[in-house]
Amino acid sequence: MKYVIVTGGVLSGLGKGITVSSIGRLLISRGYRVTAIKIDPYLNCDAGTMNPFQHGEVFVLDDGGEVDLDLGNYERFLDVNLTKEHNITTGKVYKSVIEKERKGDYLGSTVQIIPHITNEIKNQIKNVSEKSNADVVLIELGGTVGDIESMPFLESMRQLRTEVGPEENLVFVHTTLVPIMGVVGEQKTKPTQHSVKELRAIGIQPDIIVGRGIKMLSYDIKKKISLFCDVPLEGIVSAPDAESIYQVPVLLEEQGLTDYLLRRLGLSPRKPDLTKWKKFLKPLLNPKHKINIAIVGKYTYLKDSYISYMETLHHCSAETSTKINILWIEAEDIEKNGCESLKNADGIIVPGGFGERGIEGKISAIKYSRENKIPFLGVCLGFQLATIEFCRNVLKIGDADSSEFKKTRHAVVDLLPEQKEIKDMGATMRLGGHTVIIKKNSLAYKIYNRIKISERHRHRYEINPDYIKRIEKAGMKFSGKSVDRKRMEILELKNHSFFVASQFHPEFKSRPSKPAPLFLGLVKAAKKVKK
């Protein structure tokens, strides 16, 4: 088994996840099997309870794992389905060690960071590696070198290099910042030097340095970094800001990174094949058309909260050769100022979310879309609110609402009877991949071209079965349902340019060259309406 471990220095948010994803794509282009692990040094066991404002989007996997958004990038770049075991956190590690200690597994030993915590970290990595059937395991260590919470993980990586045998079985890649200072735009290497010094003090010598910055590293700067950090010149790679993250694999390939990495790992060189990747990139970077899609959310001040929506729209952009300009609309602004901000939208998305804040603004946006025949896609909470809006304004049920937000006589969105019997609220969450049955002769069937699909979910409340007949009689059809027919999954309106919503999250399974069908349907409808 071969390992590539990516660390970060100077500051967070440099793009370690994109570096990992890009290296993975390049190895795949040479015919090697790859998997990826994200290590997050926070004490949460998973990302499920974390505020999107603090940590960005919670990405959901097929097995129901609520994980860091970087795993979404891994899945998109590598075109694989990962599991919750591919996201290792401090919380998971300590929880496992404490449970073993309580059972007496350590035979009375004094349980310590070294060796018990570090061994557990390595065991979790090896467990994923053995199950993956991969040639190379990519590991991203979250945070930055020098963080207190990252120390046990860095120590584990140092130990792992010794344990995996020959030096060629493990490569360290260090991602660091090379800022530009002064009016002359001089690239500065000092942050990189200090970051590598910190890493070497821990006992880790990087084999490759990825220099992040506004522009490509000059040859002289590469030579300087090579000299001061004791890394071969061909191991100094530039990762400048790009128009699209999907350009990064091509930029790294052009600098010879893949050939150097294969030699360093002792893997046989193979001819690269990035044909499909470049074919995807061409219309993405050179679109022929242009539309505006509004995302009406309540975490829009941190765009990472909706990263899967953005990337899915990029996939649709490439598929349709259309530049999609995203209009970020805060739902609370609509509550204060009305729907004026939507007048330039060719399509509207109301995404998922939790809590009552901004709900009325989202409902107003849905009403605006329905009445003005603007293509609309609702996701998860957007699906529920589209149902509430229809009940309020078409069925004239004025107090129609969700029991998640308030007590009401008409809880159009509610817990199902069997959910109400469960005392543990965590156990009422519906997570991961579930089968959806689609009605023939529906718009959903036309979009998916199949009766049975599997999509990922992350919600608790459902459409109240007591209202379904009244809703469908009035013209809103539930064209997708769960296998047991108890849960409504897709709704649509006839006599509209495009009005569709799903209880599931189609954006979690979108891939380059394979965009999520519902998003693609929205983009095509928006193009048609604009034309």
Protein backbone atom coordinates (compact mmCIF):
# COMPACT_ATOMS: atom_id res chain seq x y z
CA MET A 1 0.00 0.00 0.00
CA LYS A 2 1.25 3.46 -0.93
CA TYR A 3 0.37 6.64 1.00
CA VAL A 4 0.38 10.32 0.03
CA ILE A 5 -0.08 12.58 3.06
CA VAL A 6 -0.97 16.24 2.49
CA THR A 7 -0.31 18.77 5.26
CA GLY A 8 -0.79 22.53 5.32
CA GLY A 9 1.16 25.45 6.68
CA VAL A 10 0.93 29.21 7.32
CA LEU A 11 -2.89 29.41 7.34
CA SER A 12 -5.98 27.32 6.76
CA GLY A 13 -8.10 27.44 3.63
CA LEU A 14 -5.14 27.14 1.24
CA GLY A 15 -6.79 24.38 -0.75
CA LYS A 16 -5.33 21.17 0.68
CA GLY A 17 -8.56 19.40 -0.30
CA ILE A 18 -8.20 20.49 -3.92
CA THR A 19 -4.53 19.42 -3.85
CA VAL A 20 -5.53 15.96 -2.61
CA SER A 21 -8.37 15.72 -5.12
CA SER A 22 -6.15 16.84 -8.00
CA ILE A 23 -3.36 14.40 -7.14
CA GLY A 24 -5.98 11.66 -6.97
CA ARG A 25 -7.35 12.59 -10.41
CA LEU A 26 -3.80 12.57 -11.86
CA LEU A 27 -3.07 9.11 -10.43
CA ILE A 28 -6.36 7.84 -11.84
CA SER A 29 -5.37 9.29 -15.22
CA ARG A 30 -2.34 6.98 -15.07
CA GLY A 31 -4.49 3.94 -14.36
CA TYR A 32 -4.02 3.64 -10.59
CA ARG A 33 -6.78 2.94 -8.06
CA VAL A 34 -7.11 5.68 -5.46
CA THR A 35 -9.05 6.43 -2.28
CA ALA A 36 -8.94 9.42 0.06
CA ILE A 37 -9.17 10.06 3.82
CA LYS A 38 -9.81 13.40 5.53
CA ILE A 39 -8.50 13.90 9.06
CA ASP A 40 -10.23 16.69 11.01
CA PRO A 41 -8.63 17.60 14.35
CA TYR A 42 -11.83 18.90 15.97
CA LEU A 43 -13.44 17.12 18.94
CA ASN A 44 -16.80 16.61 17.22
CA CYS A 45 -17.31 12.98 16.22
CA ASP A 46 -18.63 14.15 12.86
CA ALA A 47 -19.69 17.36 11.09
CA GLY A 48 -23.43 16.74 11.56
CA THR A 49 -23.99 19.16 14.44
CA MET A 50 -21.73 21.93 13.17
CA ASN A 51 -23.01 25.37 12.15
CA PRO A 52 -22.57 26.03 8.39
CA PHE A 53 -21.39 29.58 9.25
CA GLN A 54 -18.42 28.13 11.14
CA HIS A 55 -17.47 25.10 9.11
CA GLY A 56 -19.25 25.30 5.78
CA GLU A 57 -21.44 22.62 4.25
CA VAL A 58 -22.10 19.26 5.86
CA PHE A 59 -21.58 16.70 3.10
CA VAL A 60 -23.66 13.50 3.28
CA LEU A 61 -22.44 10.12 2.04
CA ASP A 62 -24.37 7.10 0.80
CA ASP A 63 -23.98 5.33 4.16
CA GLY A 64 -25.44 8.33 6.00
CA GLY A 65 -22.14 9.74 7.18
CA GLU A 66 -22.23 13.50 7.85
CA VAL A 67 -18.72 14.58 6.96
CA ASP A 68 -16.41 17.45 6.07
CA LEU A 69 -17.05 19.22 2.77
CA ASP A 70 -13.63 18.12 1.44
CA LEU A 71 -15.00 14.60 1.03
CA GLY A 72 -17.42 16.11 -1.46
CA ASN A 73 -14.46 17.34 -3.50
CA TYR A 74 -12.86 13.89 -3.29
CA GLU A 75 -16.02 12.23 -4.60
CA ARG A 76 -16.41 14.74 -7.41
CA PHE A 77 -12.79 14.63 -8.59
CA LEU A 78 -12.22 10.89 -8.11
CA ASP A 79 -15.76 9.79 -9.09
CA VAL A 80 -15.97 7.43 -6.10
CA ASN A 81 -18.43 6.85 -3.25
CA LEU A 82 -16.72 7.14 0.12
CA THR A 83 -17.91 6.04 3.59
CA LYS A 84 -18.05 7.68 7.01
CA GLU A 85 -14.85 5.78 7.88
CA HIS A 86 -13.01 8.00 5.37
CA ASN A 87 -13.46 10.97 7.73
CA ILE A 88 -11.37 10.61 10.90
CA THR A 89 -11.85 13.15 13.69
CA THR A 90 -10.32 13.69 17.12
CA GLY A 91 -13.75 12.95 18.58
CA LYS A 92 -13.95 9.57 16.84
CA VAL A 93 -10.42 8.63 17.89
CA TYR A 94 -10.79 9.59 21.55
CA LYS A 95 -14.26 8.02 21.77
CA SER A 96 -12.90 4.72 20.47
CA VAL A 97 -9.91 4.77 22.85
CA ILE A 98 -12.06 5.62 25.89
CA GLU A 99 -14.56 2.86 25.03
CA LYS A 100 -11.69 0.35 24.79
CA GLU A 101 -10.26 1.59 28.09
CA ARG A 102 -13.64 1.13 29.81
CA LYS A 103 -13.83 -2.44 28.51
CA GLY A 104 -10.35 -3.18 29.82
CA ASP A 105 -8.77 -3.68 26.42
CA TYR A 106 -5.52 -2.03 27.53
CA LEU A 107 -4.94 -4.52 30.35
CA GLY A 108 -4.51 -1.92 33.07
CA SER A 109 -2.01 0.23 31.15
CA THR A 110 -1.87 3.97 31.68
CA VAL A 111 -3.67 5.24 28.57
CA GLN A 112 -1.67 8.01 26.89
CA ILE A 113 -1.51 10.06 23.71
CA ILE A 114 1.49 7.99 22.66
CA PRO A 115 1.07 5.11 21.95
CA HIS A 116 -2.69 4.63 22.46
CA ILE A 117 -4.14 7.64 20.61
CA THR A 118 -1.54 7.52 17.84
CA ASN A 119 -2.07 3.77 17.41
CA GLU A 120 -5.81 4.29 17.13
CA ILE A 121 -5.29 6.92 14.43
CA LYS A 122 -3.07 4.55 12.45
CA ASN A 123 -5.51 1.67 12.94
CA GLN A 124 -8.39 3.73 11.54
CA ILE A 125 -6.26 4.69 8.52
CA LYS A 126 -5.18 1.09 7.93
CA ASN A 127 -8.76 -0.12 8.28
CA VAL A 128 -9.85 2.15 5.40
CA SER A 129 -6.76 1.24 3.36
CA GLU A 130 -7.35 -2.50 3.62
CA LYS A 131 -11.02 -2.22 2.63
CA SER A 132 -10.42 0.14 -0.27
CA ASN A 133 -8.54 -2.16 -2.66
CA ALA A 134 -6.65 0.98 -3.74
CA ASP A 135 -3.09 1.31 -4.99
CA VAL A 136 -2.63 4.69 -3.32
CA VAL A 137 -4.32 6.13 -0.23
CA LEU A 138 -4.45 9.94 -0.09
CA ILE A 139 -4.65 11.47 3.39
CA GLU A 140 -5.44 15.13 4.05
CA LEU A 141 -4.52 16.36 7.51
CA GLY A 142 -6.81 19.29 8.35
CA GLY A 143 -5.63 22.43 10.10
CA THR A 144 -2.09 23.77 9.92
CA VAL A 145 1.28 22.58 11.18
CA GLY A 146 1.79 23.98 14.69
CA ASP A 147 -1.83 23.67 15.79
CA ILE A 148 -2.04 21.95 19.20
CA GLU A 149 -4.96 19.76 18.11
CA SER A 150 -3.03 18.51 15.05
CA MET A 151 0.01 17.26 17.00
CA PRO A 152 -1.19 13.67 17.68
CA PHE A 153 -2.06 13.25 14.00
CA LEU A 154 1.29 14.58 12.80
CA GLU A 155 3.06 12.26 15.23
CA SER A 156 0.96 9.36 13.89
CA MET A 157 2.00 10.26 10.32
CA ARG A 158 5.65 10.33 11.39
CA GLN A 159 5.27 6.86 12.90
CA LEU A 160 3.38 5.62 9.86
CA ARG A 161 6.27 6.48 7.55
CA THR A 162 8.52 4.19 9.60
CA GLU A 163 5.95 1.39 9.77
CA VAL A 164 4.97 1.14 6.08
CA GLY A 165 8.37 -0.16 5.07
CA PRO A 166 10.60 1.34 2.38
CA GLU A 167 10.66 5.10 2.10
CA GLU A 168 9.01 4.90 -1.33
CA ASN A 169 5.75 3.69 0.26
CA LEU A 170 4.88 7.09 1.73
CA VAL A 171 5.19 10.64 0.40
CA PHE A 172 4.61 13.89 2.30
CA VAL A 173 3.14 16.82 0.36
CA HIS A 174 3.18 20.18 2.13
CA THR A 175 0.83 22.92 0.91
CA THR A 176 1.94 26.40 1.84
CA LEU A 177 1.42 30.07 1.03
CA VAL A 178 3.79 32.09 -1.14
CA PRO A 179 2.40 35.64 -0.83
CA ILE A 180 3.21 38.61 -3.04
CA MET A 181 4.42 41.68 -1.20
CA GLY A 182 5.22 45.27 -2.15
CA VAL A 183 4.42 47.39 -5.18
CA VAL A 184 6.80 45.36 -7.36
CA GLY A 185 4.88 42.16 -6.63
CA GLU A 186 7.77 40.16 -5.13
CA GLN A 187 7.01 36.57 -4.13
CA LYS A 188 8.07 35.84 -0.55
CA THR A 189 9.32 32.42 0.61
CA LYS A 190 9.72 33.15 4.34
CA PRO A 191 6.26 31.78 5.34
CA THR A 192 7.09 28.55 3.49
CA GLN A 193 10.52 28.30 5.13
CA HIS A 194 9.09 28.73 8.62
CA SER A 195 6.26 26.28 7.95
CA VAL A 196 8.65 23.59 6.72
CA LYS A 197 10.95 24.28 9.68
CA GLU A 198 8.01 23.62 12.00
CA LEU A 199 7.23 20.40 10.15
CA ARG A 200 10.82 19.19 10.31
CA ALA A 201 10.96 19.91 14.05
CA ILE A 202 8.18 17.32 14.42
CA GLY A 203 10.28 14.82 12.48
CA ILE A 204 8.63 15.10 9.07
CA GLN A 205 10.55 16.08 5.96
CA PRO A 206 8.28 17.03 3.03
CA ASP A 207 8.97 15.39 -0.33
CA ILE A 208 6.84 17.82 -2.34
CA ILE A 209 5.90 21.44 -1.67
CA VAL A 210 2.82 22.95 -3.33
CA GLY A 211 3.16 26.72 -3.35
CA ARG A 212 -0.17 28.51 -3.31
CA GLY A 213 -0.39 32.07 -4.50
CA ILE A 214 -1.93 34.52 -6.90
CA LYS A 215 0.40 33.57 -9.76
CA MET A 216 2.84 30.86 -10.81
CA LEU A 217 6.08 30.57 -8.84
CA SER A 218 9.07 31.92 -10.73
CA TYR A 219 12.04 29.64 -11.38
CA ASP A 220 14.20 31.61 -8.94
CA ILE A 221 11.60 31.30 -6.19
CA LYS A 222 11.35 27.55 -6.78
CA LYS A 223 15.15 27.27 -6.51
CA LYS A 224 15.13 29.25 -3.27
CA ILE A 225 12.40 27.09 -1.70
CA SER A 226 14.24 23.96 -2.85
CA LEU A 227 17.49 25.15 -1.25
CA PHE A 228 16.06 26.26 2.09
CA CYS A 229 13.56 23.40 2.50
CA ASP A 230 15.78 20.56 1.23
CA VAL A 231 13.26 19.43 -1.39
CA PRO A 232 14.34 18.59 -4.97
CA LEU A 233 13.57 21.33 -7.48
CA GLU A 234 11.15 19.06 -9.38
CA GLY A 235 9.27 18.59 -6.11
CA ILE A 236 8.46 22.32 -5.88
CA VAL A 237 5.10 22.79 -7.58
CA SER A 238 3.09 25.94 -8.21
CA ALA A 239 -0.67 26.10 -7.60
CA PRO A 240 -1.79 29.60 -8.63
CA ASP A 241 -5.33 30.90 -8.35
CA ALA A 242 -7.37 29.42 -11.19
CA GLU A 243 -10.63 30.33 -12.85
CA SER A 244 -11.95 26.90 -11.88
CA ILE A 245 -10.76 24.32 -9.35
CA TYR A 246 -11.10 21.73 -12.11
CA GLN A 247 -8.12 23.31 -13.88
CA VAL A 248 -5.77 22.38 -11.03
CA PRO A 249 -5.06 18.75 -12.11
CA VAL A 250 -4.06 20.00 -15.57
CA LEU A 251 -1.81 22.73 -14.09
CA LEU A 252 -0.06 20.19 -11.86
CA GLU A 253 0.31 17.69 -14.70
CA GLU A 254 1.92 20.32 -16.92
CA GLN A 255 4.59 20.91 -14.24
CA GLY A 256 5.54 17.23 -14.17
CA LEU A 257 4.14 16.50 -10.71
CA THR A 258 2.64 13.12 -11.66
CA ASP A 259 5.88 11.77 -13.15
CA TYR A 260 7.88 12.89 -10.11
CA LEU A 261 5.27 11.45 -7.70
CA LEU A 262 5.23 8.07 -9.48
CA ARG A 263 9.03 7.86 -9.31
CA ARG A 264 9.00 8.86 -5.65
CA LEU A 265 6.38 6.20 -4.87
CA GLY A 266 8.18 3.54 -6.87
CA LEU A 267 5.23 3.11 -9.24
CA SER A 268 5.71 2.33 -12.92
CA PRO A 269 5.23 5.30 -15.27
CA ARG A 270 2.14 5.09 -17.46
CA LYS A 271 0.83 7.25 -20.25
CA PRO A 272 -1.53 9.97 -18.93
CA ASP A 273 -5.12 10.15 -20.12
CA LEU A 274 -6.85 13.42 -19.23
CA THR A 275 -8.91 13.50 -22.41
CA LYS A 276 -12.33 13.34 -20.71
CA TRP A 277 -11.23 15.82 -18.06
CA LYS A 278 -10.11 18.36 -20.66
CA LYS A 279 -13.28 17.75 -22.66
CA PHE A 280 -15.26 18.67 -19.53
CA LEU A 281 -13.11 21.78 -18.98
CA LYS A 282 -13.44 23.24 -22.47
CA PRO A 283 -17.12 24.34 -22.36
CA LEU A 284 -16.78 25.22 -18.66
CA LEU A 285 -14.07 27.78 -19.42
CA ASN A 286 -15.45 28.89 -22.80
CA PRO A 287 -19.26 28.98 -22.44
CA LYS A 288 -21.50 30.11 -25.31
CA HIS A 289 -24.50 31.19 -23.23
CA LYS A 290 -25.20 33.01 -19.96
CA ILE A 291 -27.94 32.81 -17.33
CA ASN A 292 -28.54 34.02 -13.77
CA ILE A 293 -29.52 31.51 -11.10
CA ALA A 294 -30.58 32.87 -7.69
CA ILE A 295 -29.85 30.84 -4.57
CA VAL A 296 -32.17 32.01 -1.80
CA GLY A 297 -30.54 30.82 1.41
CA LYS A 298 -29.73 31.84 4.94
CA TYR A 299 -26.01 31.05 5.05
CA THR A 300 -25.08 32.99 1.90
CA TYR A 301 -22.44 35.10 3.68
CA LEU A 302 -20.26 31.97 3.74
CA LYS A 303 -20.33 30.49 0.26
CA ASP A 304 -18.78 27.21 1.49
CA SER A 305 -22.16 26.53 3.12
CA TYR A 306 -23.48 25.79 -0.37
CA ILE A 307 -20.35 24.40 -2.04
CA SER A 308 -22.11 21.33 -3.49
CA TYR A 309 -24.74 23.58 -5.07
CA MET A 310 -22.01 25.70 -6.66
CA GLU A 311 -20.08 22.70 -7.97
CA THR A 312 -23.24 21.07 -9.33
CA LEU A 313 -24.02 24.27 -11.24
CA HIS A 314 -20.46 24.18 -12.61
CA HIS A 315 -21.13 20.63 -13.83
CA CYS A 316 -24.32 21.88 -15.50
CA SER A 317 -22.41 24.80 -16.95
CA ALA A 318 -19.98 22.47 -18.71
CA GLU A 319 -22.79 20.20 -19.89
CA THR A 320 -24.75 23.07 -21.44
CA SER A 321 -21.87 25.40 -22.38
CA THR A 322 -23.47 28.08 -20.22
CA LYS A 323 -21.91 30.57 -17.84
CA ILE A 324 -24.06 30.43 -14.73
CA ASN A 325 -23.91 33.59 -12.68
CA ILE A 326 -25.07 32.84 -9.14
CA LEU A 327 -27.13 35.56 -7.46
CA TRP A 328 -26.69 35.11 -3.72
CA ILE A 329 -29.95 36.21 -2.07
CA GLU A 330 -30.30 36.25 1.72
CA ALA A 331 -33.79 35.03 2.64
CA GLU A 332 -34.11 37.59 5.44
CA ASP A 333 -33.49 40.38 2.92
CA ILE A 334 -36.56 39.23 0.98
CA GLU A 335 -38.55 39.37 4.21
CA LYS A 336 -37.51 43.02 4.64
CA ASN A 337 -37.48 44.25 1.04
CA GLY A 338 -39.69 41.90 -0.98
CA CYS A 339 -38.70 39.99 -4.14
CA GLU A 340 -37.10 42.88 -6.06
CA SER A 341 -33.72 41.11 -5.85
CA LEU A 342 -35.15 38.21 -7.90
CA LYS A 343 -36.16 40.25 -10.95
CA ASN A 344 -32.94 39.40 -12.85
CA ALA A 345 -33.08 35.68 -12.03
CA ASP A 346 -33.60 33.22 -14.89
CA GLY A 347 -33.98 30.42 -12.35
CA ILE A 348 -34.39 30.13 -8.57
CA ILE A 349 -33.03 27.55 -6.13
CA VAL A 350 -34.28 27.31 -2.54
CA PRO A 351 -31.78 25.03 -0.79
CA GLY A 352 -31.89 22.95 2.37
CA GLY A 353 -31.36 24.20 5.91
CA PHE A 354 -32.57 23.90 9.48
CA GLY A 355 -34.38 26.29 11.79
CA GLU A 356 -37.03 29.00 11.45
CA ARG A 357 -34.82 31.96 10.49
CA GLY A 358 -35.45 33.19 6.94
CA ILE A 359 -38.33 30.78 6.29
CA GLU A 360 -40.87 33.42 5.24
CA GLY A 361 -38.38 34.94 2.80
CA LYS A 362 -37.88 31.56 1.17
CA ILE A 363 -41.66 31.05 0.92
CA SER A 364 -42.00 34.48 -0.72
CA ALA A 365 -39.34 33.52 -3.28
CA ILE A 366 -41.20 30.29 -4.06
CA LYS A 367 -44.48 32.18 -4.50
CA TYR A 368 -42.73 34.66 -6.80
CA SER A 369 -41.33 31.82 -8.90
CA ARG A 370 -44.66 29.98 -9.10
CA GLU A 371 -46.70 33.02 -10.05
CA ASN A 372 -44.18 34.43 -12.54
CA LYS A 373 -43.34 31.08 -14.18
CA ILE A 374 -39.65 31.37 -13.32
CA PRO A 375 -37.89 27.95 -13.32
CA PHE A 376 -37.65 26.74 -9.74
CA LEU A 377 -35.84 23.96 -7.90
CA GLY A 378 -36.42 23.31 -4.21
CA VAL A 379 -34.10 21.03 -2.25
CA CYS A 380 -34.98 19.37 1.08
CA LEU A 381 -36.33 22.31 3.11
CA GLY A 382 -37.09 23.99 -0.23
CA PHE A 383 -39.29 20.98 -1.07
CA GLN A 384 -41.18 21.33 2.21
CA LEU A 385 -41.61 25.08 1.85
CA ALA A 386 -42.89 24.71 -1.72
CA THR A 387 -45.62 22.46 -0.31
CA ILE A 388 -46.42 24.95 2.47
CA GLU A 389 -46.56 27.86 0.01
CA PHE A 390 -48.95 25.92 -2.25
CA CYS A 391 -51.21 25.07 0.69
CA ARG A 392 -51.28 28.67 1.91
CA ASN A 393 -51.81 30.44 -1.41
CA VAL A 394 -53.60 27.89 -3.62
CA LEU A 395 -55.53 25.78 -1.11
CA LYS A 396 -56.04 28.92 1.04
CA ILE A 397 -54.93 27.22 4.25
CA GLY A 398 -53.64 30.40 5.84
CA ASP A 399 -51.87 28.83 8.82
CA ALA A 400 -50.26 25.96 6.89
CA ASP A 401 -46.78 25.44 8.32
CA SER A 402 -44.25 22.93 9.61
CA SER A 403 -44.30 21.61 13.16
CA GLU A 404 -40.52 22.09 13.10
CA PHE A 405 -41.13 25.83 13.38
CA LYS A 406 -44.36 26.29 15.32
CA LYS A 407 -47.50 24.65 16.63
CA THR A 408 -50.30 24.98 14.09
CA ARG A 409 -53.65 23.39 13.28
CA HIS A 410 -52.37 22.64 9.79
CA ALA A 411 -48.96 21.00 10.09
CA VAL A 412 -48.52 20.30 6.38
CA VAL A 413 -44.95 19.28 7.22
CA ASP A 414 -44.71 17.08 10.30
CA LEU A 415 -43.09 14.05 11.84
CA LEU A 416 -44.65 10.78 10.71
CA PRO A 417 -46.59 8.88 13.43
CA GLU A 418 -43.81 6.31 13.88
CA GLN A 419 -41.25 9.12 14.25
CA LYS A 420 -43.25 10.74 17.05
CA GLU A 421 -42.92 7.56 19.11
CA ILE A 422 -39.11 7.82 19.08
CA LYS A 423 -37.78 9.71 22.10
CA ASP A 424 -34.25 10.26 20.74
CA MET A 425 -34.51 13.09 18.18
CA GLY A 426 -31.22 12.02 16.62
CA ALA A 427 -32.79 8.70 15.67
CA THR A 428 -35.51 10.46 13.63
CA MET A 429 -33.04 11.82 11.09
CA ARG A 430 -33.18 10.25 7.65
CA LEU A 431 -29.64 10.12 6.35
CA GLY A 432 -27.80 8.72 3.35
CA GLY A 433 -28.88 6.98 0.18
CA HIS A 434 -32.51 5.83 -0.14
CA THR A 435 -34.49 4.47 -3.07
CA VAL A 436 -37.07 6.72 -4.72
CA ILE A 437 -39.82 5.41 -7.01
CA ILE A 438 -40.79 7.79 -9.84
CA LYS A 439 -44.15 7.86 -11.61
CA LYS A 440 -44.13 7.29 -15.33
CA ASN A 441 -45.42 10.12 -17.55
CA SER A 442 -44.12 12.69 -15.05
CA LEU A 443 -41.55 15.43 -15.53
CA ALA A 444 -39.33 13.66 -13.00
CA TYR A 445 -39.44 10.51 -15.12
CA LYS A 446 -38.53 12.54 -18.20
CA ILE A 447 -35.57 14.04 -16.31
CA TYR A 448 -34.22 10.79 -14.84
CA ASN A 449 -35.49 8.44 -17.57
CA ARG A 450 -36.02 5.67 -15.04
CA ILE A 451 -38.53 4.53 -12.44
CA LYS A 452 -36.14 3.72 -9.59
CA ILE A 453 -33.32 5.99 -8.40
CA SER A 454 -31.20 6.32 -5.27
CA GLU A 455 -30.47 9.74 -3.79
CA ARG A 456 -28.99 11.03 -0.53
CA HIS A 457 -31.11 12.48 2.27
CA ARG A 458 -30.57 14.65 5.33
CA HIS A 459 -33.82 15.65 6.99
CA ARG A 460 -36.21 14.83 9.80
CA TYR A 461 -39.68 16.17 8.88
CA GLU A 462 -41.92 14.84 6.09
CA ILE A 463 -44.97 15.93 4.12
CA ASN A 464 -48.03 15.15 6.25
CA PRO A 465 -49.94 12.28 4.56
CA ASP A 466 -53.27 13.82 5.68
CA TYR A 467 -52.87 16.64 3.11
CA ILE A 468 -51.56 14.75 0.08
CA LYS A 469 -54.92 14.10 -1.63
CA ARG A 470 -56.00 17.74 -1.29
CA ILE A 471 -52.67 18.99 -2.60
CA GLU A 472 -52.66 16.66 -5.62
CA LYS A 473 -56.29 17.43 -6.42
CA ALA A 474 -55.36 21.13 -6.60
CA GLY A 475 -52.62 20.48 -9.16
CA MET A 476 -49.35 19.81 -7.33
CA LYS A 477 -48.26 16.22 -8.01
CA PHE A 478 -45.92 14.09 -5.95
CA SER A 479 -44.16 12.25 -8.76
CA GLY A 480 -41.55 10.59 -6.57
CA LYS A 481 -42.19 8.59 -3.40
CA SER A 482 -40.33 6.26 -1.05
CA VAL A 483 -40.59 2.52 -1.63
CA ASP A 484 -43.24 2.18 1.13
CA ARG A 485 -45.14 5.20 -0.35
CA LYS A 486 -45.19 6.88 3.08
CA ARG A 487 -42.70 9.62 2.23
CA MET A 488 -43.06 12.14 -0.58
CA GLU A 489 -39.80 12.61 -2.46
CA ILE A 490 -40.41 14.75 -5.59
CA LEU A 491 -43.11 17.32 -6.36
CA GLU A 492 -43.85 19.13 -9.61
CA LEU A 493 -46.34 21.56 -11.10
CA LYS A 494 -47.80 21.36 -14.57
CA ASN A 495 -48.35 24.46 -16.71
CA HIS A 496 -45.11 25.97 -15.48
CA SER A 497 -41.74 26.53 -17.17
CA PHE A 498 -40.10 24.23 -14.57
CA PHE A 499 -41.30 23.83 -11.01
CA VAL A 500 -39.72 20.82 -9.28
CA ALA A 501 -38.57 20.11 -5.74
CA SER A 502 -37.03 17.10 -4.02
CA GLN A 503 -36.89 15.98 -0.42
CA PHE A 504 -33.43 14.52 -1.13
CA HIS A 505 -30.19 16.34 -1.99
CA PRO A 506 -29.34 15.68 -5.65
CA GLU A 507 -26.24 17.90 -5.43
CA PHE A 508 -24.41 15.34 -3.29
CA LYS A 509 -24.15 12.86 -6.17
CA SER A 510 -23.32 15.30 -8.97
CA ARG A 511 -20.05 14.74 -10.83
CA PRO A 512 -18.13 16.47 -13.62
CA SER A 513 -19.60 15.18 -16.91
CA LYS A 514 -22.50 13.66 -14.89
CA PRO A 515 -24.42 16.63 -13.42
CA ALA A 516 -27.34 16.04 -11.06
CA PRO A 517 -30.40 15.57 -13.31
CA LEU A 518 -32.71 17.96 -11.43
CA PHE A 519 -30.14 20.77 -11.50
CA LEU A 520 -29.52 20.13 -15.19
CA GLY A 521 -33.27 20.30 -15.79
CA LEU A 522 -33.42 23.67 -14.03
CA VAL A 523 -30.52 25.09 -16.06
CA LYS A 524 -31.99 23.91 -19.37
CA ALA A 525 -35.37 25.41 -18.45
CA ALA A 526 -33.75 28.71 -17.42
CA LYS A 527 -31.88 28.85 -20.75
CA LYS A 528 -35.11 28.18 -22.63
CA VAL A 529 -37.08 30.83 -20.75
CA LYS A 530 -34.35 33.43 -21.20
CA LYS A 531 -34.12 32.70 -24.92
